[in-house]
N, C-alpha and C. Protein backbone atom coordinates (compact mmCIF):
# COMPACT_ATOMS: atom_id res chain seq x y z
N UNK A 1 1.07 -22.47 -21.44
CA UNK A 1 0.72 -20.98 -21.59
C UNK A 1 0.77 -20.27 -20.24
N UNK A 2 1.08 -19.14 -20.34
CA UNK A 2 1.32 -18.25 -19.07
C UNK A 2 -0.13 -18.00 -18.64
N UNK A 3 -0.26 -18.25 -17.24
CA UNK A 3 -1.58 -18.09 -16.74
C UNK A 3 -1.77 -16.67 -16.42
N UNK A 4 -2.90 -16.13 -16.75
CA UNK A 4 -3.37 -14.64 -16.49
C UNK A 4 -3.31 -14.26 -15.01
N UNK A 5 -3.47 -15.28 -14.30
CA UNK A 5 -3.59 -15.11 -12.83
C UNK A 5 -2.11 -14.80 -12.25
N UNK A 6 -1.12 -15.04 -13.02
CA UNK A 6 0.31 -14.73 -12.60
C UNK A 6 0.43 -13.31 -12.62
N UNK A 7 -0.40 -12.59 -13.50
CA UNK A 7 -0.16 -11.12 -13.41
C UNK A 7 -0.86 -10.52 -12.16
N UNK A 8 -1.88 -11.16 -11.72
CA UNK A 8 -2.46 -10.78 -10.44
C UNK A 8 -1.39 -10.91 -9.23
N UNK A 9 -0.71 -12.00 -9.33
CA UNK A 9 0.34 -12.36 -8.26
C UNK A 9 1.36 -11.17 -8.19
N UNK A 10 1.51 -10.43 -9.18
CA UNK A 10 2.50 -9.17 -9.20
C UNK A 10 2.13 -8.21 -8.05
N UNK A 11 0.83 -8.02 -7.95
CA UNK A 11 0.32 -7.04 -6.92
C UNK A 11 0.22 -7.77 -5.46
N UNK A 12 0.52 -8.95 -5.14
CA UNK A 12 0.60 -9.54 -3.89
C UNK A 12 1.44 -8.78 -2.99
N UNK A 13 1.22 -8.56 -1.74
CA UNK A 13 1.97 -8.05 -0.79
C UNK A 13 3.40 -8.49 -0.49
N UNK A 14 3.24 -9.91 -0.80
CA UNK A 14 4.59 -10.63 -0.69
C UNK A 14 5.64 -10.20 -1.63
N UNK A 15 5.15 -9.42 -2.73
CA UNK A 15 5.99 -8.88 -3.78
C UNK A 15 6.23 -7.64 -3.67
N UNK A 16 4.94 -6.88 -3.58
CA UNK A 16 4.88 -5.38 -3.66
C UNK A 16 5.72 -4.71 -2.35
N UNK A 17 5.38 -5.22 -1.14
CA UNK A 17 6.06 -4.77 -0.07
C UNK A 17 7.53 -4.72 -0.17
N UNK A 18 8.15 -5.75 -0.49
CA UNK A 18 9.72 -5.75 -0.52
C UNK A 18 10.18 -4.70 -1.67
N UNK A 19 9.33 -4.69 -2.71
CA UNK A 19 9.65 -3.84 -3.78
C UNK A 19 9.64 -2.23 -3.39
N UNK A 20 8.44 -1.96 -2.51
CA UNK A 20 8.29 -0.76 -2.07
C UNK A 20 9.50 -0.33 -1.01
N UNK A 21 9.97 -1.30 -0.16
CA UNK A 21 10.97 -1.09 0.53
C UNK A 21 12.44 -1.09 -0.25
N UNK A 22 12.56 -1.62 -1.23
CA UNK A 22 13.62 -1.45 -2.21
C UNK A 22 13.74 0.02 -2.82
N UNK A 23 12.53 0.47 -3.07
CA UNK A 23 12.53 1.87 -3.50
C UNK A 23 13.11 2.91 -2.38
N UNK A 24 12.41 2.64 -1.15
CA UNK A 24 13.00 3.54 -0.16
C UNK A 24 14.64 3.31 0.07
N UNK A 25 15.13 2.01 -0.11
CA UNK A 25 16.38 1.77 0.20
C UNK A 25 17.29 2.45 -0.80
N UNK A 26 16.94 2.30 -2.26
CA UNK A 26 17.62 3.02 -3.37
C UNK A 26 17.61 4.52 -3.23
N UNK A 27 16.45 5.07 -2.55
CA UNK A 27 16.50 6.56 -2.20
C UNK A 27 17.46 7.04 -1.19
N UNK A 28 17.49 6.09 -0.05
CA UNK A 28 18.38 6.35 0.99
C UNK A 28 19.87 6.15 0.54
N UNK A 29 20.27 5.19 -0.26
CA UNK A 29 21.54 4.88 -0.64
C UNK A 29 21.94 6.06 -1.63
N UNK A 30 20.99 6.73 -2.30
CA UNK A 30 21.28 7.97 -3.12
C UNK A 30 21.24 9.14 -2.36
N UNK A 31 21.11 9.11 -0.95
CA UNK A 31 21.22 10.29 -0.17
C UNK A 31 19.95 11.15 -0.30
N UNK A 32 18.77 10.56 -0.83
CA UNK A 32 17.65 11.43 -0.91
C UNK A 32 16.66 11.25 0.33
N UNK A 33 17.14 11.52 1.36
CA UNK A 33 16.35 11.21 2.60
C UNK A 33 14.97 11.78 2.54
N UNK A 34 14.74 12.92 2.14
CA UNK A 34 13.39 13.47 2.23
C UNK A 34 12.56 12.75 1.28
N UNK A 35 12.89 12.35 0.19
CA UNK A 35 12.21 11.57 -0.91
C UNK A 35 11.82 10.25 -0.39
N UNK A 36 12.80 9.57 0.28
CA UNK A 36 12.60 8.35 0.92
C UNK A 36 11.55 8.35 1.93
N UNK A 37 11.61 9.43 2.90
CA UNK A 37 10.62 9.60 4.05
C UNK A 37 9.29 9.86 3.44
N UNK A 38 9.31 10.72 2.28
CA UNK A 38 7.90 10.96 1.66
C UNK A 38 7.27 9.85 1.02
N UNK A 39 8.16 8.98 0.46
CA UNK A 39 7.51 7.80 -0.18
C UNK A 39 7.12 6.86 0.78
N UNK A 40 7.79 6.66 1.97
CA UNK A 40 7.44 5.66 2.94
C UNK A 40 6.12 6.26 3.70
N UNK A 41 5.86 7.63 3.91
CA UNK A 41 4.61 7.95 4.54
C UNK A 41 3.50 7.87 3.54
N UNK A 42 3.61 8.06 2.24
CA UNK A 42 2.68 8.14 1.41
C UNK A 42 2.12 6.58 1.26
N UNK A 43 3.15 5.65 0.72
CA UNK A 43 2.91 4.24 0.83
C UNK A 43 2.11 3.64 2.00
N UNK A 44 2.68 3.99 3.14
CA UNK A 44 2.17 3.39 4.36
C UNK A 44 0.90 3.84 4.65
N UNK A 45 0.45 5.00 4.34
CA UNK A 45 -0.94 5.60 4.49
C UNK A 45 -1.72 4.91 3.53
N UNK A 46 -1.47 4.69 2.36
CA UNK A 46 -2.34 3.88 1.46
C UNK A 46 -2.68 2.42 1.84
N UNK A 47 -1.65 1.92 2.41
CA UNK A 47 -1.79 0.60 2.86
C UNK A 47 -2.60 0.42 4.01
N UNK A 48 -2.27 1.46 4.89
CA UNK A 48 -3.32 1.42 6.14
C UNK A 48 -4.73 1.64 5.71
N UNK A 49 -5.09 2.44 4.84
CA UNK A 49 -6.34 2.70 4.33
C UNK A 49 -7.05 1.21 3.94
N UNK A 50 -6.27 0.46 3.21
CA UNK A 50 -6.54 -0.84 2.75
C UNK A 50 -6.99 -1.59 3.97
N UNK A 51 -6.07 -1.71 4.96
CA UNK A 51 -6.25 -2.66 5.88
C UNK A 51 -7.41 -2.17 6.95
N UNK A 52 -7.64 -0.87 7.03
CA UNK A 52 -8.65 -0.52 7.80
C UNK A 52 -10.08 -0.77 7.22
N UNK A 53 -10.09 -0.66 5.76
CA UNK A 53 -11.27 -0.95 4.98
C UNK A 53 -11.83 -2.36 5.15
N UNK A 54 -10.65 -3.24 5.21
CA UNK A 54 -10.79 -4.69 5.32
C UNK A 54 -11.45 -5.07 6.72
N UNK A 55 -10.77 -4.47 7.74
CA UNK A 55 -11.13 -4.66 9.21
C UNK A 55 -12.50 -4.17 9.48
N UNK A 56 -12.81 -3.10 8.86
CA UNK A 56 -14.20 -2.33 9.07
C UNK A 56 -15.21 -3.25 8.46
N UNK A 57 -14.99 -3.93 7.32
CA UNK A 57 -15.84 -4.80 6.71
C UNK A 57 -16.03 -6.16 7.37
N UNK A 58 -14.93 -6.71 7.87
CA UNK A 58 -15.10 -7.80 8.56
C UNK A 58 -15.64 -7.92 9.93
N UNK A 59 -15.30 -6.80 10.53
CA UNK A 59 -15.72 -6.46 11.83
C UNK A 59 -17.27 -5.89 12.05
N UNK A 60 -17.43 -4.98 11.12
CA UNK A 60 -18.74 -4.30 11.28
C UNK A 60 -19.54 -4.31 10.19
N UNK A 61 -19.21 -5.04 9.09
CA UNK A 61 -19.91 -5.24 7.96
C UNK A 61 -20.35 -4.01 7.07
N UNK A 62 -19.18 -3.23 7.06
CA UNK A 62 -19.50 -1.83 6.48
C UNK A 62 -19.38 -2.11 4.81
N UNK A 63 -19.52 -1.08 4.12
CA UNK A 63 -19.59 -1.14 2.63
C UNK A 63 -20.62 -0.57 1.95
N UNK A 64 -20.84 -0.61 0.58
CA UNK A 64 -21.71 -0.02 -0.14
C UNK A 64 -22.33 -1.07 -0.97
N UNK A 65 -23.39 -1.95 -0.34
CA UNK A 65 -23.94 -2.89 -1.14
C UNK A 65 -24.38 -2.65 -2.53
N UNK A 66 -25.17 -1.34 -2.68
CA UNK A 66 -25.42 -0.97 -3.93
C UNK A 66 -24.55 -0.84 -5.10
N UNK A 67 -23.23 -0.60 -4.64
CA UNK A 67 -22.00 -0.49 -5.56
C UNK A 67 -21.31 -1.95 -5.54
N UNK A 68 -21.67 -2.90 -4.69
CA UNK A 68 -20.89 -3.92 -4.59
C UNK A 68 -19.59 -3.85 -3.96
N UNK A 69 -19.34 -2.56 -3.02
CA UNK A 69 -18.14 -2.29 -2.57
C UNK A 69 -18.06 -2.88 -1.00
N UNK A 70 -16.92 -3.62 -0.83
CA UNK A 70 -16.84 -4.16 0.54
C UNK A 70 -15.42 -3.62 1.26
N UNK A 71 -14.42 -3.64 0.43
CA UNK A 71 -13.08 -3.10 1.02
C UNK A 71 -12.40 -2.97 -0.24
N UNK A 72 -11.14 -1.98 0.04
CA UNK A 72 -10.15 -1.83 -0.88
C UNK A 72 -9.49 -3.02 -1.39
N UNK A 73 -8.90 -3.04 -2.53
CA UNK A 73 -7.98 -4.12 -3.11
C UNK A 73 -6.51 -3.89 -2.76
N UNK A 74 -5.91 -4.53 -1.94
CA UNK A 74 -4.50 -4.37 -1.50
C UNK A 74 -3.69 -4.64 -3.13
N UNK A 75 -3.95 -5.63 -3.79
CA UNK A 75 -3.28 -5.97 -4.94
C UNK A 75 -3.28 -4.64 -5.87
N UNK A 76 -4.39 -4.13 -6.11
CA UNK A 76 -4.60 -3.03 -7.21
C UNK A 76 -3.87 -1.80 -6.67
N UNK A 77 -3.99 -1.42 -5.29
CA UNK A 77 -3.38 -0.25 -4.61
C UNK A 77 -2.08 -0.37 -4.79
N UNK A 78 -1.42 -1.54 -4.21
CA UNK A 78 0.02 -1.66 -4.27
C UNK A 78 0.66 -1.67 -5.57
N UNK A 79 0.08 -2.36 -6.67
CA UNK A 79 0.72 -2.30 -8.00
C UNK A 79 0.52 -0.88 -8.56
N UNK A 80 -0.52 -0.25 -8.43
CA UNK A 80 -0.70 1.14 -9.00
C UNK A 80 0.25 2.17 -8.38
N UNK A 81 0.52 2.03 -7.10
CA UNK A 81 1.29 2.95 -6.39
C UNK A 81 2.80 2.63 -6.59
N UNK A 82 3.22 1.34 -6.47
CA UNK A 82 4.60 1.03 -6.57
C UNK A 82 5.18 0.78 -7.83
N UNK A 83 4.71 0.12 -8.88
CA UNK A 83 5.25 -0.19 -10.08
C UNK A 83 5.63 1.17 -10.83
N UNK A 84 4.82 2.21 -11.04
CA UNK A 84 5.20 3.39 -11.76
C UNK A 84 6.41 3.96 -10.93
N UNK A 85 6.29 4.03 -9.58
CA UNK A 85 7.28 4.75 -8.98
C UNK A 85 8.62 3.91 -9.02
N UNK A 86 8.65 2.61 -9.05
CA UNK A 86 9.83 1.79 -9.11
C UNK A 86 10.38 2.07 -10.56
N UNK A 87 9.60 2.27 -11.51
CA UNK A 87 10.29 2.55 -12.89
C UNK A 87 10.87 3.92 -12.78
N UNK A 88 10.03 4.92 -12.23
CA UNK A 88 10.55 6.31 -12.18
C UNK A 88 11.78 6.45 -11.42
N UNK A 89 11.99 5.70 -10.31
CA UNK A 89 13.25 5.93 -9.56
C UNK A 89 14.37 4.99 -10.26
N UNK A 90 14.04 3.92 -10.71
CA UNK A 90 15.05 3.01 -11.38
C UNK A 90 15.73 3.79 -12.65
N UNK A 91 14.87 4.58 -13.27
CA UNK A 91 15.45 5.17 -14.44
C UNK A 91 15.81 6.68 -14.29
N UNK A 92 16.05 6.92 -13.05
CA UNK A 92 16.41 8.20 -12.64
C UNK A 92 17.58 8.92 -13.48
N UNK A 93 18.52 8.30 -13.98
CA UNK A 93 19.54 8.76 -14.80
C UNK A 93 19.16 8.82 -16.36
N UNK A 94 18.26 8.12 -16.57
CA UNK A 94 17.70 8.05 -17.96
C UNK A 94 17.10 9.33 -18.45
N UNK A 95 16.94 9.52 -19.90
CA UNK A 95 16.36 10.71 -20.32
C UNK A 95 14.94 10.65 -20.02
N UNK A 96 14.08 11.85 -19.97
CA UNK A 96 13.04 11.97 -19.31
C UNK A 96 12.10 11.14 -20.24
N UNK A 97 12.19 11.02 -21.69
CA UNK A 97 11.31 10.26 -22.40
C UNK A 97 11.19 8.58 -21.81
N UNK A 98 12.45 8.08 -21.51
CA UNK A 98 12.34 6.74 -21.16
C UNK A 98 11.86 6.67 -19.64
N UNK A 99 11.99 7.75 -18.71
CA UNK A 99 11.25 7.59 -17.56
C UNK A 99 9.72 7.64 -17.76
N UNK A 100 9.34 8.55 -18.61
CA UNK A 100 7.79 8.57 -18.83
C UNK A 100 7.25 7.24 -19.42
N UNK A 101 8.10 6.51 -20.21
CA UNK A 101 7.82 5.20 -20.78
C UNK A 101 7.63 4.26 -19.59
N UNK A 102 8.53 4.21 -18.72
CA UNK A 102 8.75 3.32 -17.66
C UNK A 102 7.38 3.62 -16.84
N UNK A 103 7.03 4.95 -16.39
CA UNK A 103 5.95 5.22 -15.60
C UNK A 103 4.50 4.57 -16.32
N UNK A 104 4.51 4.95 -17.65
CA UNK A 104 3.33 4.25 -18.50
C UNK A 104 3.15 2.97 -18.44
N UNK A 105 4.26 2.19 -18.57
CA UNK A 105 4.30 0.71 -18.50
C UNK A 105 3.75 0.17 -17.12
N UNK A 106 4.34 0.99 -16.09
CA UNK A 106 3.92 0.65 -14.75
C UNK A 106 2.21 0.70 -14.46
N UNK A 107 1.86 1.75 -15.17
CA UNK A 107 0.44 1.93 -15.03
C UNK A 107 -0.27 0.80 -15.90
N UNK A 108 0.21 0.56 -16.95
CA UNK A 108 -0.30 -0.27 -17.85
C UNK A 108 -0.54 -1.67 -17.31
N UNK A 109 0.50 -2.09 -16.47
CA UNK A 109 0.36 -3.36 -15.76
C UNK A 109 -0.48 -3.32 -14.93
N UNK A 110 -0.62 -2.11 -14.02
CA UNK A 110 -1.72 -2.07 -12.98
C UNK A 110 -3.09 -2.14 -13.58
N UNK A 111 -3.26 -1.42 -14.52
CA UNK A 111 -4.57 -1.54 -15.24
C UNK A 111 -5.02 -3.01 -15.68
N UNK A 112 -3.98 -3.57 -16.21
CA UNK A 112 -4.45 -4.97 -16.62
C UNK A 112 -4.66 -5.92 -15.36
N UNK A 113 -3.81 -5.62 -14.27
CA UNK A 113 -3.97 -6.33 -13.00
C UNK A 113 -5.38 -6.09 -12.41
N UNK A 114 -5.74 -4.84 -12.60
CA UNK A 114 -7.16 -4.53 -12.03
C UNK A 114 -8.16 -5.04 -12.75
N UNK A 115 -8.15 -5.15 -14.14
CA UNK A 115 -9.22 -5.58 -15.00
C UNK A 115 -9.27 -7.33 -14.48
N UNK A 116 -8.11 -7.94 -14.36
CA UNK A 116 -8.09 -9.35 -14.09
C UNK A 116 -8.62 -9.63 -12.57
N UNK A 117 -8.39 -8.64 -11.69
CA UNK A 117 -9.02 -8.91 -10.46
C UNK A 117 -10.49 -8.93 -10.48
N UNK A 118 -11.04 -7.97 -11.34
CA UNK A 118 -12.57 -7.95 -11.60
C UNK A 118 -12.97 -9.27 -12.34
N UNK A 119 -12.39 -9.45 -13.33
CA UNK A 119 -12.53 -10.58 -14.07
C UNK A 119 -12.80 -11.96 -13.28
N UNK A 120 -11.50 -12.35 -12.55
CA UNK A 120 -11.67 -13.45 -11.76
C UNK A 120 -12.51 -13.39 -10.44
N UNK A 121 -13.18 -12.32 -10.27
CA UNK A 121 -14.17 -12.11 -9.20
C UNK A 121 -13.44 -12.08 -7.81
N UNK A 122 -12.24 -11.59 -7.69
CA UNK A 122 -11.61 -11.35 -6.54
C UNK A 122 -12.04 -10.13 -5.73
N UNK A 123 -12.36 -9.07 -6.72
CA UNK A 123 -13.01 -7.77 -6.20
C UNK A 123 -14.05 -7.30 -7.19
N UNK A 124 -14.79 -6.58 -6.72
CA UNK A 124 -16.08 -5.86 -7.65
C UNK A 124 -15.21 -4.86 -8.34
N UNK A 125 -15.97 -4.27 -9.30
CA UNK A 125 -15.37 -3.07 -10.22
C UNK A 125 -15.23 -1.87 -9.40
N UNK A 126 -16.11 -1.66 -8.49
CA UNK A 126 -16.08 -0.47 -7.81
C UNK A 126 -14.90 -0.59 -6.75
N UNK A 127 -14.56 -1.55 -6.20
CA UNK A 127 -13.53 -1.98 -5.17
C UNK A 127 -12.17 -1.63 -6.00
N UNK A 128 -11.97 -2.25 -7.38
CA UNK A 128 -10.93 -2.09 -8.07
C UNK A 128 -10.58 -0.62 -8.44
N UNK A 129 -11.71 0.05 -8.83
CA UNK A 129 -11.56 1.49 -9.46
C UNK A 129 -11.17 2.35 -8.21
N UNK A 130 -11.82 2.18 -7.04
CA UNK A 130 -11.44 3.01 -5.90
C UNK A 130 -10.03 2.75 -5.48
N UNK A 131 -9.50 1.60 -5.62
CA UNK A 131 -8.14 1.16 -5.11
C UNK A 131 -7.23 1.66 -6.35
N UNK A 132 -7.60 1.72 -7.45
CA UNK A 132 -6.82 2.28 -8.49
C UNK A 132 -6.55 3.84 -8.40
N UNK A 133 -7.67 4.54 -8.02
CA UNK A 133 -7.68 5.98 -7.92
C UNK A 133 -6.76 6.24 -6.76
N UNK A 134 -6.89 5.44 -5.58
CA UNK A 134 -5.88 5.83 -4.56
C UNK A 134 -4.59 5.50 -4.80
N UNK A 135 -4.26 4.38 -5.41
CA UNK A 135 -2.81 4.14 -5.70
C UNK A 135 -2.21 5.09 -6.76
N UNK A 136 -3.09 5.61 -7.61
CA UNK A 136 -2.63 6.49 -8.58
C UNK A 136 -2.27 7.82 -8.02
N UNK A 137 -3.09 8.08 -6.94
CA UNK A 137 -2.78 9.37 -6.13
C UNK A 137 -1.54 9.27 -5.42
N UNK A 138 -1.20 7.89 -4.91
CA UNK A 138 0.13 7.88 -4.20
C UNK A 138 1.23 7.93 -5.10
N UNK A 139 1.11 7.13 -6.26
CA UNK A 139 2.33 7.06 -7.27
C UNK A 139 2.44 8.46 -7.87
N UNK A 140 1.47 8.97 -8.46
CA UNK A 140 1.61 10.28 -9.13
C UNK A 140 1.81 11.49 -8.16
N UNK A 141 1.46 11.27 -6.87
CA UNK A 141 1.79 12.39 -5.89
C UNK A 141 3.37 12.37 -5.61
N UNK A 142 3.80 11.20 -5.60
CA UNK A 142 5.31 11.04 -5.36
C UNK A 142 6.05 11.50 -6.46
N UNK A 143 5.71 11.29 -7.72
CA UNK A 143 6.32 11.84 -8.96
C UNK A 143 6.26 13.03 -9.08
N UNK A 144 5.11 13.73 -8.84
CA UNK A 144 5.01 15.30 -8.91
C UNK A 144 5.71 15.98 -7.65
N UNK A 145 5.94 15.33 -6.65
CA UNK A 145 6.67 15.91 -5.67
C UNK A 145 8.31 15.79 -5.78
N UNK A 146 8.70 14.65 -6.41
CA UNK A 146 10.03 14.52 -6.63
C UNK A 146 10.83 15.69 -7.27
N UNK A 147 10.51 16.52 -8.10
CA UNK A 147 11.25 17.55 -8.67
C UNK A 147 11.77 18.63 -7.72
N UNK A 148 10.99 18.70 -6.50
CA UNK A 148 11.22 19.80 -5.48
C UNK A 148 12.36 19.47 -4.69
N UNK A 149 13.02 18.18 -4.81
CA UNK A 149 14.15 17.70 -4.06
C UNK A 149 15.24 17.48 -5.08
N UNK A 150 16.41 17.31 -4.59
CA UNK A 150 17.73 17.09 -5.28
C UNK A 150 17.53 15.59 -5.82
N UNK A 151 17.81 15.43 -7.04
CA UNK A 151 17.70 13.98 -7.70
C UNK A 151 18.63 13.08 -6.98
N UNK A 152 18.21 11.82 -6.63
CA UNK A 152 19.03 10.92 -5.95
C UNK A 152 20.08 10.11 -6.88
N UNK A 153 21.29 9.99 -6.37
CA UNK A 153 22.17 9.10 -7.31
C UNK A 153 22.01 7.69 -7.08
N UNK A 154 20.89 7.09 -7.75
CA UNK A 154 20.57 5.71 -7.53
C UNK A 154 21.49 4.78 -8.28
N UNK A 155 22.15 3.99 -7.66
CA UNK A 155 23.07 2.94 -8.00
C UNK A 155 22.48 1.88 -8.99
N UNK A 156 23.14 1.78 -10.14
CA UNK A 156 22.58 0.83 -11.09
C UNK A 156 22.69 -0.66 -10.53
N UNK A 157 23.83 -0.85 -9.80
CA UNK A 157 24.13 -2.10 -9.30
C UNK A 157 23.14 -2.70 -8.43
N UNK A 158 22.64 -1.73 -7.44
CA UNK A 158 21.59 -1.95 -6.34
C UNK A 158 20.30 -2.34 -7.09
N UNK A 159 20.01 -1.69 -8.21
CA UNK A 159 18.80 -1.92 -8.93
C UNK A 159 18.79 -3.35 -9.73
N UNK A 160 19.90 -3.61 -10.24
CA UNK A 160 20.14 -4.82 -10.84
C UNK A 160 19.92 -6.01 -9.95
N UNK A 161 20.61 -5.84 -8.70
CA UNK A 161 20.61 -6.81 -7.78
C UNK A 161 19.07 -7.05 -7.33
N UNK A 162 18.43 -5.96 -7.08
CA UNK A 162 17.02 -6.03 -6.63
C UNK A 162 16.03 -6.67 -7.55
N UNK A 163 16.29 -6.34 -8.94
CA UNK A 163 15.49 -6.86 -9.93
C UNK A 163 15.58 -8.57 -9.91
N UNK A 164 17.01 -8.95 -10.02
CA UNK A 164 17.33 -10.45 -9.93
C UNK A 164 16.60 -10.98 -8.58
N UNK A 165 16.62 -10.44 -7.48
CA UNK A 165 16.07 -10.98 -6.34
C UNK A 165 14.57 -11.16 -6.36
N UNK A 166 14.06 -10.07 -6.69
CA UNK A 166 12.55 -10.12 -7.04
C UNK A 166 12.03 -10.88 -7.99
N UNK A 167 12.75 -11.16 -9.08
CA UNK A 167 12.45 -12.14 -10.17
C UNK A 167 12.38 -13.54 -9.52
N UNK A 168 13.41 -13.98 -8.68
CA UNK A 168 13.70 -15.10 -8.10
C UNK A 168 12.38 -15.19 -7.19
N UNK A 169 12.07 -14.34 -6.31
CA UNK A 169 11.12 -14.40 -5.27
C UNK A 169 9.62 -14.62 -6.05
N UNK A 170 9.47 -13.98 -7.07
CA UNK A 170 8.16 -14.03 -7.94
C UNK A 170 8.19 -15.39 -8.57
N UNK A 171 9.36 -15.86 -9.06
CA UNK A 171 9.36 -17.25 -9.71
C UNK A 171 8.89 -18.40 -8.70
N UNK A 172 9.28 -18.26 -7.27
CA UNK A 172 9.08 -19.08 -6.31
C UNK A 172 7.72 -19.12 -5.77
N UNK A 173 7.03 -18.00 -6.17
CA UNK A 173 5.65 -17.85 -5.61
C UNK A 173 5.45 -18.29 -4.14
N UNK A 174 5.97 -17.28 -3.48
CA UNK A 174 5.94 -17.51 -1.83
C UNK A 174 4.50 -17.42 -1.21
N UNK A 175 3.57 -17.02 -1.85
CA UNK A 175 2.22 -16.79 -1.35
C UNK A 175 1.08 -17.01 -2.62
N UNK A 176 0.06 -17.19 -1.99
CA UNK A 176 -1.21 -17.44 -3.21
C UNK A 176 -2.00 -16.11 -3.00
N UNK A 177 -2.79 -16.05 -4.05
CA UNK A 177 -3.83 -14.80 -4.04
C UNK A 177 -4.87 -15.00 -3.03
N UNK A 178 -4.88 -14.27 -2.20
CA UNK A 178 -5.96 -14.27 -1.07
C UNK A 178 -5.99 -13.01 -0.22
N UNK A 179 -6.86 -12.83 0.46
CA UNK A 179 -6.84 -11.68 1.47
C UNK A 179 -6.63 -12.23 2.99
N UNK A 180 -5.43 -12.33 3.48
CA UNK A 180 -5.29 -13.02 4.82
C UNK A 180 -6.07 -12.39 5.74
N UNK A 181 -6.45 -10.90 5.73
CA UNK A 181 -7.35 -10.61 6.86
C UNK A 181 -8.61 -11.28 6.97
N UNK A 182 -9.08 -11.74 5.73
CA UNK A 182 -10.39 -12.24 5.86
C UNK A 182 -10.32 -13.57 6.82
N UNK A 183 -9.20 -14.30 7.12
CA UNK A 183 -9.13 -15.28 8.08
C UNK A 183 -9.51 -14.94 9.43
N UNK A 184 -9.60 -13.65 9.70
CA UNK A 184 -10.01 -13.16 11.06
C UNK A 184 -11.42 -13.28 11.36
N UNK A 185 -12.17 -13.74 10.41
CA UNK A 185 -13.79 -13.74 10.39
C UNK A 185 -14.03 -14.90 11.64
N UNK A 186 -13.13 -15.69 11.76
CA UNK A 186 -13.54 -16.76 12.79
C UNK A 186 -13.70 -16.23 14.24
N UNK A 187 -13.06 -15.01 14.56
CA UNK A 187 -13.20 -14.40 15.89
C UNK A 187 -14.62 -13.83 16.21
N UNK A 188 -15.33 -13.51 15.10
CA UNK A 188 -16.56 -12.95 15.13
C UNK A 188 -17.68 -13.99 15.31
N UNK A 189 -18.63 -13.80 16.31
CA UNK A 189 -19.62 -14.79 16.40
C UNK A 189 -20.47 -15.02 15.29
N UNK A 190 -20.71 -16.41 14.87
CA UNK A 190 -21.53 -16.65 13.53
C UNK A 190 -20.83 -16.80 12.25
N UNK A 191 -19.58 -16.35 12.41
CA UNK A 191 -18.84 -16.39 11.12
C UNK A 191 -18.02 -17.77 10.97
N UNK A 192 -17.85 -18.06 9.70
CA UNK A 192 -16.96 -19.12 9.44
C UNK A 192 -15.77 -18.82 8.63
N UNK A 193 -14.72 -19.52 8.65
CA UNK A 193 -13.45 -19.39 7.98
C UNK A 193 -13.88 -19.43 6.35
N UNK A 194 -13.63 -18.30 5.64
CA UNK A 194 -13.83 -18.37 4.30
C UNK A 194 -12.98 -19.17 3.29
N UNK A 195 -13.20 -19.61 2.24
CA UNK A 195 -12.23 -20.23 1.37
C UNK A 195 -11.22 -19.22 0.71
N UNK A 196 -10.21 -19.70 0.10
CA UNK A 196 -9.20 -18.87 -0.31
C UNK A 196 -9.44 -18.49 -1.83
N UNK A 197 -10.57 -19.05 -2.32
CA UNK A 197 -10.93 -18.82 -3.85
C UNK A 197 -11.56 -17.50 -3.99
N UNK A 198 -12.18 -17.27 -5.24
CA UNK A 198 -12.90 -16.10 -5.64
C UNK A 198 -14.05 -16.09 -4.84
N UNK A 199 -14.69 -14.87 -4.54
CA UNK A 199 -16.02 -14.83 -3.88
C UNK A 199 -16.94 -15.19 -4.81
N UNK A 200 -18.20 -15.60 -4.29
CA UNK A 200 -19.24 -16.04 -5.28
C UNK A 200 -20.35 -14.73 -5.34
């Protein structure tokens, strides 16, 4: 039986970062330079906020204990930002209805991933919700911005090749579910290296 945790793996940076880069490459190949730049800036900004929130918590113990909030979830943010946009760009030449279906499917996977992240105790509900909102702002912001620019001529061959490569990478599972920044704890006095499993 397919493990539910495989769905969480979809949001791992080892998979989402290359897919985000592929989106930019598809846009550049389609000569949509401004759209590619906009996507890179928006996605990089979101990822930077995730990294800063983790560093702030690890280094200065920031957060909102009353809400169980410690740091943003990279899995949830990346999945919510990347998957809908990937479907939107990949279906660039398809009728609007199919593009809408693709975006909804991407969002649906992100929602399921977020629920599983909370269920398996990798993040609290507040962390998952905040990450989902931020990721949604990135993805929806890009989609709403795209009509202001000329539609890119995305190659079906490049998309097909990318899908095959990403499927192979995901099947090989190059990384496990964890937060690698948490390993930095050892540099702070009195801290120990945490385990890679769910937090208690």
